[in-house]
């Protein structure tokens, strides 16, 4: 059986399906980069606005190793991202649970939350700066508004859409509200909540850029503005690609965290928890 599964996962030359996909993506990426390089060298693309990939690689070397000036700005941006995401998550999950559990609160509060979400953040940002002043507090407030809605709406959806048959069973057995919350609502809602947190953390990166574009004091956003103003487009692209890599790593990290918390969603997680509990039982014996 194991040999048959291995054969299905392997193609010609002993290459697995996953490896073949990775090689395909790598080939497409190299082709696109090669076309970009050729287009910039031959004049098909304006080298001022579309610098050669080789020059962008050189800029990576300069800003990370030779000059090392990106590290301070990257650290400033990531501190804002995680602080704003944490504040937005606490507010979103807490308010979503409150609105989900209380129909009266849901009827009166949900429309105002939707109106807040429909309001462009860039329009609210100057008001927050006027209220909180320049600096980290107003930036965190902007990021919090950007990443608030996904945890809120996903928590609300997870709490409201609890399985009615199971809920009725809990009530018939005399379960308290806290037991219903811990044993039924949260296990059912956590996968949906984590999906919202995944979206919120990636959105927090965009919110940090908006805040840094407005205040222009520190962070990757302000560094991009400096490079573009000086027409150093290669370094600007290096900063943008840095954000792309960071966003990708954040998303994949949140996927791993999701599988670790909501372990019952995957067979691997169930085996991991089952093995840990088996070790604990052996230790107790």
Protein backbone atom coordinates (compact mmCIF):
# COMPACT_ATOMS: atom_id res chain seq x y z
CA UNK A 1 0.00 0.00 0.00
CA UNK A 2 2.79 2.40 0.91
CA UNK A 3 4.56 1.57 -2.36
CA UNK A 4 1.40 2.34 -4.33
CA UNK A 5 0.94 5.71 -2.60
CA UNK A 6 4.58 6.54 -3.20
CA UNK A 7 4.17 5.69 -6.88
CA UNK A 8 1.14 7.98 -7.17
CA UNK A 9 3.07 10.85 -5.61
CA UNK A 10 6.09 10.32 -7.83
CA UNK A 11 6.34 11.15 -11.48
CA UNK A 12 8.95 10.36 -14.05
CA UNK A 13 12.49 10.47 -12.76
CA UNK A 14 11.34 10.05 -9.15
CA UNK A 15 10.14 13.68 -8.88
CA UNK A 16 7.13 14.17 -6.62
CA UNK A 17 4.10 16.23 -7.59
CA UNK A 18 5.06 18.93 -5.11
CA UNK A 19 8.61 19.15 -6.47
CA UNK A 20 7.26 19.37 -10.02
CA UNK A 21 5.00 22.27 -9.02
CA UNK A 22 7.90 24.06 -7.34
CA UNK A 23 10.08 23.61 -10.42
CA UNK A 24 7.27 24.91 -12.65
CA UNK A 25 6.80 28.02 -10.52
CA UNK A 26 10.56 28.61 -10.42
CA UNK A 27 10.76 28.30 -14.21
CA UNK A 28 7.89 30.79 -14.71
CA UNK A 29 9.52 33.22 -12.27
CA UNK A 30 12.90 33.00 -14.02
CA UNK A 31 11.28 33.51 -17.43
CA UNK A 32 9.46 36.64 -16.23
CA UNK A 33 12.61 38.03 -14.62
CA UNK A 34 14.58 37.28 -17.80
CA UNK A 35 12.00 39.08 -19.97
CA UNK A 36 12.09 42.04 -17.59
CA UNK A 37 15.90 42.18 -17.80
CA UNK A 38 15.86 41.97 -21.58
CA UNK A 39 13.12 44.57 -21.87
CA UNK A 40 14.99 47.00 -19.64
CA UNK A 41 18.29 46.50 -21.47
CA UNK A 42 16.79 46.86 -24.95
CA UNK A 43 14.60 49.86 -24.14
CA UNK A 44 11.22 48.11 -24.32
CA UNK A 45 10.80 49.13 -20.69
CA UNK A 46 11.84 52.51 -19.34
CA UNK A 47 14.88 51.68 -17.13
CA UNK A 48 14.11 54.70 -14.96
CA UNK A 49 10.75 53.33 -13.81
CA UNK A 50 11.46 49.63 -14.44
CA UNK A 51 15.05 49.07 -13.30
CA UNK A 52 16.89 45.92 -14.30
CA UNK A 53 16.46 42.96 -11.97
CA UNK A 54 20.25 42.81 -11.69
CA UNK A 55 20.24 46.38 -10.38
CA UNK A 56 17.50 45.46 -7.91
CA UNK A 57 19.64 42.58 -6.67
CA UNK A 58 22.52 45.03 -6.25
CA UNK A 59 20.20 47.29 -4.24
CA UNK A 60 19.33 44.36 -1.99
CA UNK A 61 23.04 44.00 -1.28
CA UNK A 62 23.39 47.73 -0.56
CA UNK A 63 20.40 48.23 1.74
CA UNK A 64 20.84 44.97 3.65
CA UNK A 65 24.61 44.46 3.86
CA UNK A 66 26.75 47.31 2.52
CA UNK A 67 24.76 50.20 4.04
CA UNK A 68 22.39 48.21 6.24
CA UNK A 69 19.96 51.12 6.42
CA UNK A 70 16.82 49.02 5.92
CA UNK A 71 17.01 47.12 9.21
CA UNK A 72 15.89 50.03 11.41
CA UNK A 73 12.96 50.83 9.12
CA UNK A 74 11.96 47.17 8.80
CA UNK A 75 11.97 46.81 12.57
CA UNK A 76 9.86 49.97 12.99
CA UNK A 77 7.32 48.72 10.45
CA UNK A 78 7.01 45.23 11.96
CA UNK A 79 6.53 46.61 15.49
CA UNK A 80 3.65 48.74 14.18
CA UNK A 81 2.19 45.80 12.24
CA UNK A 82 2.05 43.44 15.20
CA UNK A 83 0.93 46.11 17.68
CA UNK A 84 -1.89 47.27 15.40
CA UNK A 85 -2.89 43.70 14.56
CA UNK A 86 -3.00 42.73 18.24
CA UNK A 87 -5.14 45.77 19.11
CA UNK A 88 -7.46 45.19 16.15
CA UNK A 89 -7.76 41.48 16.93
CA UNK A 90 -8.63 42.04 20.57
CA UNK A 91 -11.24 44.63 19.63
CA UNK A 92 -12.61 42.61 16.70
CA UNK A 93 -12.83 39.24 18.45
CA UNK A 94 -14.18 40.74 21.66
CA UNK A 95 -16.80 42.87 19.94
CA UNK A 96 -17.70 40.05 17.55
CA UNK A 97 -18.30 37.66 20.45
CA UNK A 98 -20.38 40.27 22.28
CA UNK A 99 -22.49 41.02 19.23
CA UNK A 100 -22.84 37.31 18.41
CA UNK A 101 -24.00 36.29 21.87
CA UNK A 102 -26.44 39.17 22.37
CA UNK A 103 -29.14 39.59 19.69
CA UNK A 104 -30.13 43.01 21.06
CA UNK A 105 -26.57 44.33 20.82
CA UNK A 106 -26.25 42.74 17.38
CA UNK A 107 -29.33 44.51 16.08
CA UNK A 108 -28.13 47.96 17.16
CA UNK A 109 -24.33 47.74 16.85
CA UNK A 110 -23.73 45.72 13.66
CA UNK A 111 -24.87 48.49 11.22
CA UNK A 112 -22.41 50.97 12.75
CA UNK A 113 -19.54 48.51 12.41
CA UNK A 114 -20.42 47.98 8.74
CA UNK A 115 -20.51 51.77 8.19
CA UNK A 116 -17.09 52.04 9.83
CA UNK A 117 -15.74 49.33 7.54
CA UNK A 118 -17.18 51.09 4.48
CA UNK A 119 -15.38 54.34 5.39
CA UNK A 120 -11.98 54.61 3.61
CA UNK A 121 -9.10 54.43 6.10
CA UNK A 122 -7.15 57.08 4.22
CA UNK A 123 -9.97 59.53 4.97
CA UNK A 124 -9.99 58.72 8.69
CA UNK A 125 -6.21 58.81 9.06
CA UNK A 126 -5.88 62.64 9.26
CA UNK A 127 -8.56 62.71 11.95
CA UNK A 128 -6.67 60.12 14.00
CA UNK A 129 -3.43 62.08 13.60
CA UNK A 130 -5.21 65.28 14.73
CA UNK A 131 -6.60 63.40 17.74
CA UNK A 132 -3.53 61.36 18.74
CA UNK A 133 -0.74 63.42 17.20
CA UNK A 134 2.17 62.27 15.06
CA UNK A 135 3.96 59.13 16.14
CA UNK A 136 3.25 55.51 17.02
CA UNK A 137 -0.20 55.91 18.68
CA UNK A 138 -1.87 57.32 15.57
CA UNK A 139 -0.13 54.77 13.34
CA UNK A 140 -1.28 51.89 15.53
CA UNK A 141 -4.82 53.30 15.52
CA UNK A 142 -4.83 53.38 11.70
CA UNK A 143 -3.58 49.78 11.51
CA UNK A 144 -6.13 48.72 14.13
CA UNK A 145 -8.94 50.11 11.99
CA UNK A 146 -7.57 48.37 8.90
CA UNK A 147 -7.41 44.90 10.48
CA UNK A 148 -10.41 45.15 12.83
CA UNK A 149 -13.21 44.06 10.51
CA UNK A 150 -12.00 40.58 9.49
CA UNK A 151 -11.71 39.25 13.08
CA UNK A 152 -15.00 40.93 13.96
CA UNK A 153 -17.10 39.53 11.12
CA UNK A 154 -15.51 36.06 11.30
CA UNK A 155 -16.00 35.86 15.06
CA UNK A 156 -19.59 37.01 14.67
CA UNK A 157 -20.18 34.41 11.95
CA UNK A 158 -18.58 31.63 14.01
CA UNK A 159 -20.59 32.45 17.13
CA UNK A 160 -23.93 32.91 15.36
CA UNK A 161 -23.66 29.82 13.13
CA UNK A 162 -23.28 27.28 15.92
CA UNK A 163 -24.80 23.88 15.19
CA UNK A 164 -28.33 24.13 16.57
CA UNK A 165 -28.72 20.39 17.23
CA UNK A 166 -25.54 20.26 19.27
CA UNK A 167 -26.50 23.46 21.09
CA UNK A 168 -29.87 21.94 22.00
CA UNK A 169 -28.10 18.80 23.23
CA UNK A 170 -25.84 20.89 25.50
CA UNK A 171 -28.87 22.71 26.90
CA UNK A 172 -30.78 19.49 27.50
CA UNK A 173 -27.82 18.15 29.49
CA UNK A 174 -27.92 21.23 31.71
CA UNK A 175 -24.64 22.77 30.49
CA UNK A 176 -23.85 26.25 31.78
CA UNK A 177 -23.20 29.19 29.45
CA UNK A 178 -19.49 28.93 30.16
CA UNK A 179 -19.48 25.22 29.31
CA UNK A 180 -21.37 25.91 26.09
CA UNK A 181 -18.82 28.58 25.25
CA UNK A 182 -15.77 26.44 26.03
CA UNK A 183 -16.95 23.08 24.74
CA UNK A 184 -19.11 24.03 21.75
CA UNK A 185 -18.94 27.63 20.56
CA UNK A 186 -15.19 28.20 20.65
CA UNK A 187 -14.17 24.86 19.05
CA UNK A 188 -16.67 25.51 16.25
CA UNK A 189 -15.70 29.18 15.83
CA UNK A 190 -11.90 28.98 16.15
CA UNK A 191 -11.23 27.89 12.53
CA UNK A 192 -13.34 30.78 11.25
CA UNK A 193 -11.75 33.22 13.70
CA UNK A 194 -8.25 32.13 12.65
CA UNK A 195 -9.14 32.70 9.01
CA UNK A 196 -10.07 36.26 9.95
CA UNK A 197 -6.83 36.70 11.89
CA UNK A 198 -4.87 35.54 8.85
CA UNK A 199 -6.51 38.21 6.70
CA UNK A 200 -6.12 40.82 9.44
CA UNK A 201 -2.37 40.33 9.85
CA UNK A 202 -1.69 40.61 6.13
CA UNK A 203 -3.95 43.68 5.98
CA UNK A 204 -2.03 45.19 8.90
CA UNK A 205 1.05 45.39 6.67
CA UNK A 206 -0.90 47.55 4.19
CA UNK A 207 -2.20 49.67 7.05
CA UNK A 208 1.33 50.27 8.30
CA UNK A 209 2.35 51.47 4.83
CA UNK A 210 -0.60 53.88 4.70
CA UNK A 211 0.37 55.30 8.10
CA UNK A 212 4.03 55.63 7.08
CA UNK A 213 3.17 57.25 3.75
CA UNK A 214 1.21 59.91 5.64
CA UNK A 215 3.69 60.62 8.44
CA UNK A 216 6.94 59.92 6.55
CA UNK A 217 9.22 59.68 9.57
CA UNK A 218 10.34 56.05 9.73
CA UNK A 219 9.47 52.62 8.40
CA UNK A 220 9.60 50.87 5.04
CA UNK A 221 6.88 53.15 3.66
CA UNK A 222 8.89 56.30 4.37
CA UNK A 223 12.00 54.64 2.91
CA UNK A 224 10.12 53.85 -0.33
CA UNK A 225 9.03 57.50 -0.55
CA UNK A 226 12.63 58.67 -0.10
CA UNK A 227 13.93 56.37 -2.82
CA UNK A 228 11.18 57.24 -5.30
CA UNK A 229 11.63 60.96 -4.65
CA UNK A 230 15.34 60.56 -5.45
CA UNK A 231 14.48 58.37 -8.50
CA UNK A 232 16.37 55.47 -6.97
CA UNK A 233 13.82 53.01 -8.31
CA UNK A 234 16.01 49.93 -7.89
CA UNK A 235 16.15 50.44 -4.11
CA UNK A 236 12.44 51.26 -4.05
CA UNK A 237 11.68 47.97 -5.80
CA UNK A 238 13.97 46.17 -3.33
CA UNK A 239 11.89 47.60 -0.46
CA UNK A 240 8.64 46.60 -2.19
CA UNK A 241 9.88 43.05 -2.76
CA UNK A 242 10.93 42.95 0.89
CA UNK A 243 7.35 43.69 1.87
CA UNK A 244 6.15 41.00 -0.55
CA UNK A 245 8.41 38.41 1.09
CA UNK A 246 7.41 39.53 4.59
CA UNK A 247 3.71 39.36 3.69
CA UNK A 248 4.13 35.87 2.27
CA UNK A 249 5.99 34.66 5.37
CA UNK A 250 3.34 36.20 7.63
CA UNK A 251 0.55 34.46 5.73
CA UNK A 252 2.27 31.07 5.79
CA UNK A 253 3.15 31.52 9.46
CA UNK A 254 -0.50 32.22 10.28
CA UNK A 255 -1.49 29.10 8.34
CA UNK A 256 0.86 27.04 10.49
CA UNK A 257 -0.48 28.70 13.64
CA UNK A 258 -4.01 27.96 12.49
CA UNK A 259 -3.21 24.27 12.08
CA UNK A 260 -1.50 24.22 15.48
CA UNK A 261 -4.42 25.84 17.34
CA UNK A 262 -7.28 24.20 15.43
CA UNK A 263 -5.50 20.84 15.40
CA UNK A 264 -8.71 18.87 14.84
CA UNK A 265 -8.93 20.25 11.28
CA UNK A 266 -6.11 18.05 9.99
CA UNK A 267 -5.07 14.44 10.41
CA UNK A 268 -1.51 15.51 11.22
CA UNK A 269 -2.72 17.71 14.07
CA UNK A 270 -4.90 14.95 15.49
CA UNK A 271 -1.96 12.55 15.43
CA UNK A 272 0.28 15.14 17.12
CA UNK A 273 -2.18 15.79 19.95
CA UNK A 274 -3.00 12.09 20.25
CA UNK A 275 0.69 11.21 20.60
CA UNK A 276 1.18 13.92 23.23
CA UNK A 277 -1.79 12.71 25.25
CA UNK A 278 -0.57 9.14 25.00
CA UNK A 279 2.81 10.22 26.42
CA UNK A 280 1.03 12.05 29.25
CA UNK A 281 -1.04 8.97 30.08
CA UNK A 282 2.10 6.81 30.17
CA UNK A 283 3.71 9.34 32.48
CA UNK A 284 0.72 9.26 34.81
CA UNK A 285 0.87 5.48 34.93
